[in-house]
Amino acid sequence: MTRGAAKTFGMMREPGHRLLVVDDRGYAVVTDDRTVTLGAVDEEAATALLETFLAGMSADQRVQVMWLTARQRWAIRTLVAAGVTLDVHGAVMVRGMPGLPVTYIPSGGYG
């Protein structure tokens, strides 16, 4: 099992977590109101996963999609198009990387 697969498996043990998948192109671990993590090979798959998560939300429901940077423009566009109000909260630490991969939304607890 790869390190990434082990992390995803661990996340799925948490109560309320569910897995969304775009075959061979991406995955997202989500709860009823939050993306835990999302990773995809391209922006089209990443956008489809985020749209699927948002499709289950009511118009007045508060959702959390955290750890975004300016590089995740696809996510920002998708959230704004869905009517989600964006709030800015501090920095995202990337441990020496030049930035997060474009089609990745990390989890605070699992990296």
C-alpha atoms as a PDB file:
ATOM      1  CA  MET A   1       0.000   0.000   0.000  1.00  0.00           C
ATOM      2  CA  THR A   2       1.392   3.410  -0.923  1.00  0.00           C
ATOM      3  CA  ARG A   3       1.719   6.170   1.650  1.00  0.00           C
ATOM      4  CA  GLY A   4      -1.086   8.159  -0.053  1.00  0.00           C
ATOM      5  CA  ALA A   5      -3.372   5.123  -0.123  1.00  0.00           C
ATOM      6  CA  ALA A   6      -2.668   4.465   3.563  1.00  0.00           C
ATOM      7  CA  LYS A   7      -3.629   8.062   4.433  1.00  0.00           C
ATOM      8  CA  THR A   8      -6.864   7.813   2.438  1.00  0.00           C
ATOM      9  CA  PHE A   9      -7.689   4.484   4.088  1.00  0.00           C
ATOM     10  CA  GLY A  10      -7.125   6.069   7.515  1.00  0.00           C
ATOM     11  CA  MET A  11      -9.405   8.975   6.630  1.00  0.00           C
ATOM     12  CA  MET A  12     -12.170   6.587   5.638  1.00  0.00           C
ATOM     13  CA  ARG A  13     -12.205   5.152   9.163  1.00  0.00           C
ATOM     14  CA  GLU A  14     -13.381   8.504  10.524  1.00  0.00           C
ATOM     15  CA  PRO A  15     -17.140   8.698  11.225  1.00  0.00           C
ATOM     16  CA  GLY A  16     -19.074  10.512   8.498  1.00  0.00           C
ATOM     17  CA  HIS A  17     -16.299  10.426   5.886  1.00  0.00           C
ATOM     18  CA  ARG A  18     -17.233   9.212   2.428  1.00  0.00           C
ATOM     19  CA  LEU A  19     -15.250   8.749  -0.775  1.00  0.00           C
ATOM     20  CA  LEU A  20     -16.038  10.333  -4.147  1.00  0.00           C
ATOM     21  CA  VAL A  21     -14.156   8.975  -7.173  1.00  0.00           C
ATOM     22  CA  VAL A  22     -13.658   9.910 -10.820  1.00  0.00           C
ATOM     23  CA  ASP A  23     -12.325   6.644 -12.299  1.00  0.00           C
ATOM     24  CA  ASP A  24      -8.523   6.689 -12.653  1.00  0.00           C
ATOM     25  CA  ARG A  25      -8.510  10.500 -12.434  1.00  0.00           C
ATOM     26  CA  GLY A  26      -9.243  11.612  -8.902  1.00  0.00           C
ATOM     27  CA  TYR A  27     -10.771  11.183  -5.480  1.00  0.00           C
ATOM     28  CA  ALA A  28     -12.178  13.279  -2.676  1.00  0.00           C
ATOM     29  CA  VAL A  29     -12.864  12.413   0.928  1.00  0.00           C
ATOM     30  CA  VAL A  30     -15.786  14.509   2.177  1.00  0.00           C
ATOM     31  CA  THR A  31     -18.242  14.854   5.045  1.00  0.00           C
ATOM     32  CA  ASP A  32     -21.709  16.372   4.876  1.00  0.00           C
ATOM     33  CA  ASP A  33     -20.275  19.894   5.026  1.00  0.00           C
ATOM     34  CA  ARG A  34     -16.529  19.711   4.358  1.00  0.00           C
ATOM     35  CA  THR A  35     -13.955  18.489   1.903  1.00  0.00           C
ATOM     36  CA  VAL A  36     -11.388  16.566   3.910  1.00  0.00           C
ATOM     37  CA  THR A  37      -9.026  16.194   0.944  1.00  0.00           C
ATOM     38  CA  LEU A  38      -9.196  16.092  -2.835  1.00  0.00           C
ATOM     39  CA  GLY A  39      -6.656  14.985  -5.424  1.00  0.00           C
ATOM     40  CA  ALA A  40      -6.966  14.681  -9.180  1.00  0.00           C
ATOM     41  CA  VAL A  41      -4.801  14.325 -12.271  1.00  0.00           C
ATOM     42  CA  ASP A  42      -6.386  17.314 -14.018  1.00  0.00           C
ATOM     43  CA  GLU A  43      -8.603  20.317 -13.365  1.00  0.00           C
ATOM     44  CA  GLU A  44     -11.598  18.739 -15.118  1.00  0.00           C
ATOM     45  CA  ALA A  45     -11.633  15.787 -12.702  1.00  0.00           C
ATOM     46  CA  ALA A  46     -10.944  18.021  -9.693  1.00  0.00           C
ATOM     47  CA  THR A  47     -13.800  20.329 -10.669  1.00  0.00           C
ATOM     48  CA  ALA A  48     -16.176  17.372 -11.152  1.00  0.00           C
ATOM     49  CA  LEU A  49     -15.359  16.091  -7.663  1.00  0.00           C
ATOM     50  CA  LEU A  50     -15.884  19.500  -6.052  1.00  0.00           C
ATOM     51  CA  GLU A  51     -19.136  20.023  -7.980  1.00  0.00           C
ATOM     52  CA  THR A  52     -20.372  16.597  -6.829  1.00  0.00           C
ATOM     53  CA  PHE A  53     -19.633  17.535  -3.214  1.00  0.00           C
ATOM     54  CA  LEU A  54     -21.385  20.911  -3.586  1.00  0.00           C
ATOM     55  CA  ALA A  55     -24.427  19.391  -5.332  1.00  0.00           C
ATOM     56  CA  GLY A  56     -25.503  17.848  -2.026  1.00  0.00           C
ATOM     57  CA  MET A  57     -25.559  21.193  -0.187  1.00  0.00           C
ATOM     58  CA  SER A  58     -28.622  23.309   0.506  1.00  0.00           C
ATOM     59  CA  ALA A  59     -28.527  27.004  -0.459  1.00  0.00           C
ATOM     60  CA  ASP A  60     -28.123  28.176   3.136  1.00  0.00           C
ATOM     61  CA  GLN A  61     -25.720  25.463   4.309  1.00  0.00           C
ATOM     62  CA  ARG A  62     -22.232  26.480   5.436  1.00  0.00           C
ATOM     63  CA  VAL A  63     -19.501  24.424   3.748  1.00  0.00           C
ATOM     64  CA  GLN A  64     -15.778  24.176   4.363  1.00  0.00           C
ATOM     65  CA  VAL A  65     -13.207  23.804   1.599  1.00  0.00           C
ATOM     66  CA  MET A  66      -9.976  24.670   3.337  1.00  0.00           C
ATOM     67  CA  TRP A  67      -6.298  25.106   2.509  1.00  0.00           C
ATOM     68  CA  LEU A  68      -6.761  26.736  -0.899  1.00  0.00           C
ATOM     69  CA  THR A  69      -4.136  28.952  -2.469  1.00  0.00           C
ATOM     70  CA  ALA A  70      -4.183  31.131  -5.579  1.00  0.00           C
ATOM     71  CA  ARG A  71      -2.955  28.098  -7.554  1.00  0.00           C
ATOM     72  CA  GLN A  72      -6.328  26.352  -7.043  1.00  0.00           C
ATOM     73  CA  ARG A  73      -8.226  28.778  -9.291  1.00  0.00           C
ATOM     74  CA  TRP A  74     -10.409  25.931 -10.571  1.00  0.00           C
ATOM     75  CA  ALA A  75     -11.693  25.427  -6.996  1.00  0.00           C
ATOM     76  CA  ILE A  76     -12.227  29.139  -6.402  1.00  0.00           C
ATOM     77  CA  ARG A  77     -14.186  29.436  -9.684  1.00  0.00           C
ATOM     78  CA  THR A  78     -16.286  26.388  -8.796  1.00  0.00           C
ATOM     79  CA  LEU A  79     -17.079  27.673  -5.298  1.00  0.00           C
ATOM     80  CA  VAL A  80     -17.990  31.167  -6.506  1.00  0.00           C
ATOM     81  CA  ALA A  81     -20.191  29.714  -9.272  1.00  0.00           C
ATOM     82  CA  ALA A  82     -22.005  27.679  -6.610  1.00  0.00           C
ATOM     83  CA  GLY A  83     -22.656  30.828  -4.573  1.00  0.00           C
ATOM     84  CA  VAL A  84     -20.256  29.948  -1.744  1.00  0.00           C
ATOM     85  CA  THR A  85     -18.900  32.943   0.157  1.00  0.00           C
ATOM     86  CA  LEU A  86     -15.125  32.725   0.531  1.00  0.00           C
ATOM     87  CA  ASP A  87     -13.398  33.623   3.799  1.00  0.00           C
ATOM     88  CA  VAL A  88      -9.630  34.059   4.043  1.00  0.00           C
ATOM     89  CA  HIS A  89      -7.875  32.617   7.094  1.00  0.00           C
ATOM     90  CA  GLY A  90      -4.077  32.738   7.320  1.00  0.00           C
ATOM     91  CA  ALA A  91      -1.299  31.034   5.473  1.00  0.00           C
ATOM     92  CA  VAL A  92      -0.947  27.555   3.996  1.00  0.00           C
ATOM     93  CA  MET A  93       2.367  25.923   4.907  1.00  0.00           C
ATOM     94  CA  VAL A  94       3.936  23.808   2.165  1.00  0.00           C
ATOM     95  CA  ARG A  95       7.128  22.512   3.863  1.00  0.00           C
ATOM     96  CA  GLY A  96       9.665  23.690   1.298  1.00  0.00           C
ATOM     97  CA  MET A  97       7.539  22.932  -1.762  1.00  0.00           C
ATOM     98  CA  PRO A  98       7.083  25.747  -4.292  1.00  0.00           C
ATOM     99  CA  GLY A  99       3.339  25.464  -3.634  1.00  0.00           C
ATOM    100  CA  LEU A 100       0.552  22.924  -3.483  1.00  0.00           C
ATOM    101  CA  PRO A 101      -0.086  20.861  -6.587  1.00  0.00           C
ATOM    102  CA  VAL A 102      -2.792  22.651  -8.571  1.00  0.00           C
ATOM    103  CA  THR A 103      -5.374  19.855  -8.402  1.00  0.00           C
ATOM    104  CA  TYR A 104      -4.865  18.951  -4.743  1.00  0.00           C
ATOM    105  CA  ILE A 105      -6.697  20.174  -1.644  1.00  0.00           C
ATOM    106  CA  PRO A 106      -4.836  18.880   1.411  1.00  0.00           C
ATOM    107  CA  SER A 107      -6.303  17.752   4.677  1.00  0.00           C
ATOM    108  CA  GLY A 108      -5.196  19.537   7.803  1.00  0.00           C
ATOM    109  CA  GLY A 109      -4.831  16.329   9.780  1.00  0.00           C
ATOM    110  CA  TYR A 110      -3.447  13.989   7.142  1.00  0.00           C
ATOM    111  CA  GLY A 111      -1.393  16.338   4.930  1.00  0.00           C
END
